[in-house]
Amino acid sequence: MIPNIETAVIAVLLDSSEITDLIGENRVSTDLPPNAGLPRVRVTLTGGSIPVQRWLYAPRITIEGWAETRADAYEVAPPALSVLETYMTPAQVGDGVVTSCE
């Protein structure tokens, strides 16, 4: 079974004080609700491939930073990516293991 990578990424980001200190609690999601609290990180599965059935899954996700200003939004996404690169490789996700994040 293919793991829900969006859920795994959100869990890692919400578990990081670097992110929650920057944007607050519960401001990482797969959607951008109306009147969403800002700043915020949105995680979206945007593609990927399954190069080897039942063995290798290469999802592509997009990390977006949202804030009141464009400059503030640019301050949100890079720390999120840094946290993923640090804490998701290697990491157990469901029955699989994340081996790289770029």
N, C-alpha and C. Protein backbone atom coordinates (compact mmCIF):
# COMPACT_ATOMS: atom_id res chain seq x y z
N MET A 1 0.83 -1.18 0.00
CA MET A 1 0.00 0.00 0.00
C MET A 1 0.88 1.25 0.00
N ILE A 2 0.53 2.21 -0.83
CA ILE A 2 1.29 3.45 -0.91
C ILE A 2 0.98 4.32 0.30
N PRO A 3 2.02 4.79 1.00
CA PRO A 3 1.78 5.62 2.20
C PRO A 3 1.23 7.00 1.82
N ASN A 4 0.49 7.60 2.74
CA ASN A 4 -0.04 8.94 2.55
C ASN A 4 1.08 9.92 2.91
N ILE A 5 1.81 10.34 1.91
CA ILE A 5 2.99 11.18 2.15
C ILE A 5 2.61 12.56 2.68
N GLU A 6 1.47 13.09 2.26
CA GLU A 6 1.04 14.39 2.78
C GLU A 6 0.86 14.33 4.30
N THR A 7 0.20 13.29 4.78
CA THR A 7 -0.01 13.13 6.22
C THR A 7 1.32 13.01 6.95
N ALA A 8 2.25 12.25 6.38
CA ALA A 8 3.56 12.08 7.01
C ALA A 8 4.33 13.39 7.06
N VAL A 9 4.31 14.15 5.99
CA VAL A 9 5.01 15.44 5.95
C VAL A 9 4.40 16.41 6.96
N ILE A 10 3.09 16.48 7.01
CA ILE A 10 2.42 17.36 7.97
C ILE A 10 2.80 16.98 9.39
N ALA A 11 2.81 15.69 9.70
CA ALA A 11 3.17 15.25 11.05
C ALA A 11 4.58 15.67 11.41
N VAL A 12 5.52 15.52 10.49
CA VAL A 12 6.91 15.92 10.76
C VAL A 12 7.00 17.42 10.99
N LEU A 13 6.32 18.20 10.17
CA LEU A 13 6.38 19.66 10.32
C LEU A 13 5.74 20.11 11.63
N LEU A 14 4.60 19.52 12.00
CA LEU A 14 3.93 19.91 13.25
C LEU A 14 4.68 19.43 14.47
N ASP A 15 5.56 18.45 14.30
CA ASP A 15 6.37 17.95 15.42
C ASP A 15 7.64 18.77 15.61
N SER A 16 7.89 19.70 14.71
CA SER A 16 9.11 20.51 14.76
C SER A 16 8.84 21.85 15.43
N SER A 17 9.52 22.11 16.52
CA SER A 17 9.36 23.40 17.19
C SER A 17 9.86 24.54 16.30
N GLU A 18 10.80 24.24 15.41
CA GLU A 18 11.28 25.27 14.48
C GLU A 18 10.13 25.80 13.63
N ILE A 19 9.22 24.92 13.23
CA ILE A 19 8.07 25.33 12.42
C ILE A 19 6.96 25.90 13.28
N THR A 20 6.60 25.21 14.35
CA THR A 20 5.49 25.71 15.18
C THR A 20 5.83 27.03 15.85
N ASP A 21 7.10 27.25 16.18
CA ASP A 21 7.49 28.56 16.73
C ASP A 21 7.37 29.66 15.68
N LEU A 22 7.58 29.31 14.43
CA LEU A 22 7.53 30.27 13.33
C LEU A 22 6.10 30.60 12.90
N ILE A 23 5.26 29.58 12.81
CA ILE A 23 3.92 29.82 12.25
C ILE A 23 2.77 29.54 13.22
N GLY A 24 3.05 28.94 14.37
CA GLY A 24 1.99 28.62 15.31
C GLY A 24 1.50 27.19 15.14
N GLU A 25 0.68 26.75 16.08
CA GLU A 25 0.15 25.38 16.07
C GLU A 25 -0.92 25.22 14.99
N ASN A 26 -1.00 24.04 14.43
CA ASN A 26 -2.05 23.65 13.49
C ASN A 26 -2.15 24.54 12.26
N ARG A 27 -1.04 25.04 11.79
CA ARG A 27 -1.05 25.86 10.58
C ARG A 27 -0.27 25.21 9.46
N VAL A 28 -0.32 23.89 9.43
CA VAL A 28 0.22 23.11 8.34
C VAL A 28 -0.91 22.21 7.87
N SER A 29 -1.24 22.27 6.59
CA SER A 29 -2.38 21.50 6.10
C SER A 29 -2.25 21.26 4.60
N THR A 30 -3.19 20.49 4.07
CA THR A 30 -3.21 20.22 2.63
C THR A 30 -4.11 21.20 1.89
N ASP A 31 -4.81 22.01 2.62
CA ASP A 31 -5.68 23.00 1.99
C ASP A 31 -5.42 24.38 2.59
N LEU A 32 -6.05 25.36 2.03
CA LEU A 32 -5.95 26.72 2.54
C LEU A 32 -7.38 27.18 2.81
N PRO A 33 -7.87 26.92 4.03
CA PRO A 33 -9.26 27.25 4.33
C PRO A 33 -9.52 28.75 4.22
N PRO A 34 -10.79 29.12 3.95
CA PRO A 34 -11.14 30.54 3.96
C PRO A 34 -10.81 31.13 5.34
N ASN A 35 -10.29 32.31 5.35
CA ASN A 35 -9.91 32.99 6.60
C ASN A 35 -8.90 32.19 7.41
N ALA A 36 -8.03 31.47 6.72
CA ALA A 36 -7.01 30.66 7.40
C ALA A 36 -6.07 31.56 8.18
N GLY A 37 -5.67 31.08 9.35
CA GLY A 37 -4.68 31.81 10.13
C GLY A 37 -3.35 31.81 9.39
N LEU A 38 -2.71 32.94 9.37
CA LEU A 38 -1.43 33.09 8.69
C LEU A 38 -0.38 33.51 9.69
N PRO A 39 0.88 33.17 9.48
CA PRO A 39 1.44 32.42 8.35
C PRO A 39 1.04 30.95 8.41
N ARG A 40 1.24 30.27 7.29
CA ARG A 40 0.77 28.90 7.13
C ARG A 40 1.64 28.18 6.10
N VAL A 41 1.73 26.86 6.24
CA VAL A 41 2.40 26.01 5.27
C VAL A 41 1.35 25.09 4.66
N ARG A 42 1.33 25.03 3.32
CA ARG A 42 0.44 24.10 2.64
C ARG A 42 1.28 23.02 1.98
N VAL A 43 0.87 21.77 2.18
CA VAL A 43 1.56 20.60 1.64
C VAL A 43 0.62 19.95 0.62
N THR A 44 1.11 19.79 -0.62
CA THR A 44 0.26 19.22 -1.67
C THR A 44 1.03 18.16 -2.45
N LEU A 45 0.41 17.00 -2.61
CA LEU A 45 0.97 15.97 -3.48
C LEU A 45 0.73 16.42 -4.91
N THR A 46 1.80 16.63 -5.67
CA THR A 46 1.66 17.18 -7.02
C THR A 46 2.12 16.23 -8.11
N GLY A 47 2.39 15.01 -7.75
CA GLY A 47 2.81 14.04 -8.76
C GLY A 47 3.75 13.01 -8.17
N GLY A 48 4.47 12.38 -9.04
CA GLY A 48 5.41 11.36 -8.64
C GLY A 48 5.29 10.15 -9.52
N SER A 49 5.96 9.10 -9.11
CA SER A 49 5.94 7.87 -9.90
C SER A 49 6.15 6.67 -8.99
N ILE A 50 5.88 5.52 -9.55
CA ILE A 50 6.13 4.25 -8.88
C ILE A 50 7.07 3.48 -9.81
N PRO A 51 8.37 3.76 -9.71
CA PRO A 51 9.34 3.14 -10.63
C PRO A 51 9.39 1.61 -10.53
N VAL A 52 9.20 1.08 -9.33
CA VAL A 52 9.23 -0.37 -9.13
C VAL A 52 8.00 -0.73 -8.29
N GLN A 53 7.04 -1.41 -8.90
CA GLN A 53 5.81 -1.77 -8.20
C GLN A 53 6.09 -2.48 -6.88
N ARG A 54 5.36 -2.06 -5.83
CA ARG A 54 5.45 -2.66 -4.49
C ARG A 54 6.81 -2.49 -3.83
N TRP A 55 7.65 -1.64 -4.39
CA TRP A 55 8.99 -1.50 -3.82
C TRP A 55 9.42 -0.04 -3.73
N LEU A 56 9.21 0.72 -4.78
CA LEU A 56 9.72 2.09 -4.81
C LEU A 56 8.62 3.05 -5.22
N TYR A 57 8.39 4.06 -4.38
CA TYR A 57 7.41 5.11 -4.64
C TYR A 57 8.15 6.44 -4.55
N ALA A 58 8.06 7.25 -5.58
CA ALA A 58 8.76 8.53 -5.63
C ALA A 58 7.75 9.66 -5.76
N PRO A 59 7.11 10.06 -4.63
CA PRO A 59 6.12 11.12 -4.72
C PRO A 59 6.77 12.49 -4.87
N ARG A 60 6.04 13.40 -5.45
CA ARG A 60 6.49 14.80 -5.55
C ARG A 60 5.49 15.63 -4.76
N ILE A 61 5.99 16.38 -3.81
CA ILE A 61 5.12 17.26 -3.04
C ILE A 61 5.56 18.70 -3.23
N THR A 62 4.62 19.59 -3.04
CA THR A 62 4.90 21.02 -3.08
C THR A 62 4.69 21.57 -1.68
N ILE A 63 5.64 22.37 -1.23
CA ILE A 63 5.55 23.06 0.05
C ILE A 63 5.38 24.54 -0.26
N GLU A 64 4.27 25.11 0.21
CA GLU A 64 4.00 26.53 -0.03
C GLU A 64 3.97 27.27 1.29
N GLY A 65 4.57 28.44 1.32
CA GLY A 65 4.48 29.33 2.47
C GLY A 65 3.45 30.41 2.19
N TRP A 66 2.55 30.63 3.13
CA TRP A 66 1.52 31.65 3.02
C TRP A 66 1.65 32.61 4.20
N ALA A 67 1.50 33.90 3.94
CA ALA A 67 1.59 34.92 4.99
C ALA A 67 0.89 36.18 4.50
N GLU A 68 0.86 37.18 5.36
CA GLU A 68 0.20 38.45 5.03
C GLU A 68 0.90 39.17 3.88
N THR A 69 2.23 39.03 3.81
CA THR A 69 2.98 39.69 2.74
C THR A 69 3.82 38.65 1.99
N ARG A 70 4.19 38.98 0.78
CA ARG A 70 5.02 38.08 -0.02
C ARG A 70 6.36 37.85 0.68
N ALA A 71 6.94 38.89 1.22
CA ALA A 71 8.23 38.76 1.91
C ALA A 71 8.12 37.81 3.09
N ASP A 72 7.04 37.90 3.86
CA ASP A 72 6.85 37.00 5.00
C ASP A 72 6.62 35.56 4.53
N ALA A 73 5.92 35.40 3.42
CA ALA A 73 5.68 34.05 2.89
C ALA A 73 7.00 33.39 2.49
N TYR A 74 7.93 34.18 1.96
CA TYR A 74 9.24 33.63 1.59
C TYR A 74 10.03 33.17 2.81
N GLU A 75 9.65 33.63 3.99
CA GLU A 75 10.34 33.22 5.21
C GLU A 75 9.78 31.92 5.78
N VAL A 76 8.66 31.45 5.25
CA VAL A 76 7.98 30.27 5.80
C VAL A 76 8.42 28.97 5.13
N ALA A 77 8.46 28.94 3.82
CA ALA A 77 8.73 27.68 3.11
C ALA A 77 10.15 27.14 3.30
N PRO A 78 11.21 27.95 3.22
CA PRO A 78 12.56 27.38 3.37
C PRO A 78 12.80 26.64 4.69
N PRO A 79 12.34 27.15 5.84
CA PRO A 79 12.52 26.36 7.06
C PRO A 79 11.76 25.03 7.02
N ALA A 80 10.59 25.03 6.39
CA ALA A 80 9.83 23.78 6.28
C ALA A 80 10.61 22.76 5.46
N LEU A 81 11.18 23.18 4.36
CA LEU A 81 11.99 22.28 3.54
C LEU A 81 13.21 21.79 4.31
N SER A 82 13.84 22.66 5.05
CA SER A 82 15.00 22.28 5.85
C SER A 82 14.63 21.22 6.88
N VAL A 83 13.49 21.38 7.54
CA VAL A 83 13.04 20.39 8.52
C VAL A 83 12.81 19.05 7.84
N LEU A 84 12.20 19.06 6.67
CA LEU A 84 11.95 17.79 5.96
C LEU A 84 13.26 17.12 5.57
N GLU A 85 14.20 17.89 5.07
CA GLU A 85 15.49 17.32 4.68
C GLU A 85 16.21 16.73 5.88
N THR A 86 16.05 17.34 7.05
CA THR A 86 16.74 16.90 8.26
C THR A 86 16.05 15.70 8.91
N TYR A 87 14.73 15.76 9.05
CA TYR A 87 14.02 14.77 9.85
C TYR A 87 13.30 13.68 9.07
N MET A 88 13.25 13.79 7.75
CA MET A 88 12.55 12.74 6.99
C MET A 88 13.50 11.80 6.27
N THR A 89 14.78 11.97 6.43
CA THR A 89 15.72 11.06 5.76
C THR A 89 16.76 10.55 6.73
N PRO A 90 16.75 9.30 7.09
CA PRO A 90 15.70 8.34 6.81
C PRO A 90 14.57 8.46 7.82
N ALA A 91 13.38 8.03 7.44
CA ALA A 91 12.24 8.03 8.35
C ALA A 91 11.28 6.93 7.94
N GLN A 92 10.69 6.30 8.93
CA GLN A 92 9.68 5.27 8.67
C GLN A 92 8.36 5.96 8.38
N VAL A 93 7.72 5.60 7.28
CA VAL A 93 6.41 6.13 6.91
C VAL A 93 5.54 4.94 6.55
N GLY A 94 4.62 4.60 7.42
CA GLY A 94 3.80 3.41 7.19
C GLY A 94 4.69 2.18 7.12
N ASP A 95 4.55 1.43 6.04
CA ASP A 95 5.37 0.23 5.85
C ASP A 95 6.65 0.54 5.07
N GLY A 96 6.90 1.81 4.79
CA GLY A 96 8.06 2.17 3.98
C GLY A 96 9.06 3.02 4.73
N VAL A 97 10.13 3.36 4.03
CA VAL A 97 11.18 4.19 4.59
C VAL A 97 11.50 5.29 3.58
N VAL A 98 11.53 6.54 4.05
CA VAL A 98 11.95 7.66 3.21
C VAL A 98 13.46 7.62 3.13
N THR A 99 14.00 7.56 1.93
CA THR A 99 15.45 7.46 1.77
C THR A 99 16.09 8.76 1.30
N SER A 100 15.29 9.67 0.74
CA SER A 100 15.86 10.96 0.34
C SER A 100 14.75 11.99 0.25
N CYS A 101 15.16 13.23 0.34
CA CYS A 101 14.26 14.37 0.27
C CYS A 101 15.04 15.50 -0.38
N GLU A 102 14.53 15.99 -1.50
CA GLU A 102 15.27 17.06 -2.18
C GLU A 102 14.32 18.09 -2.71
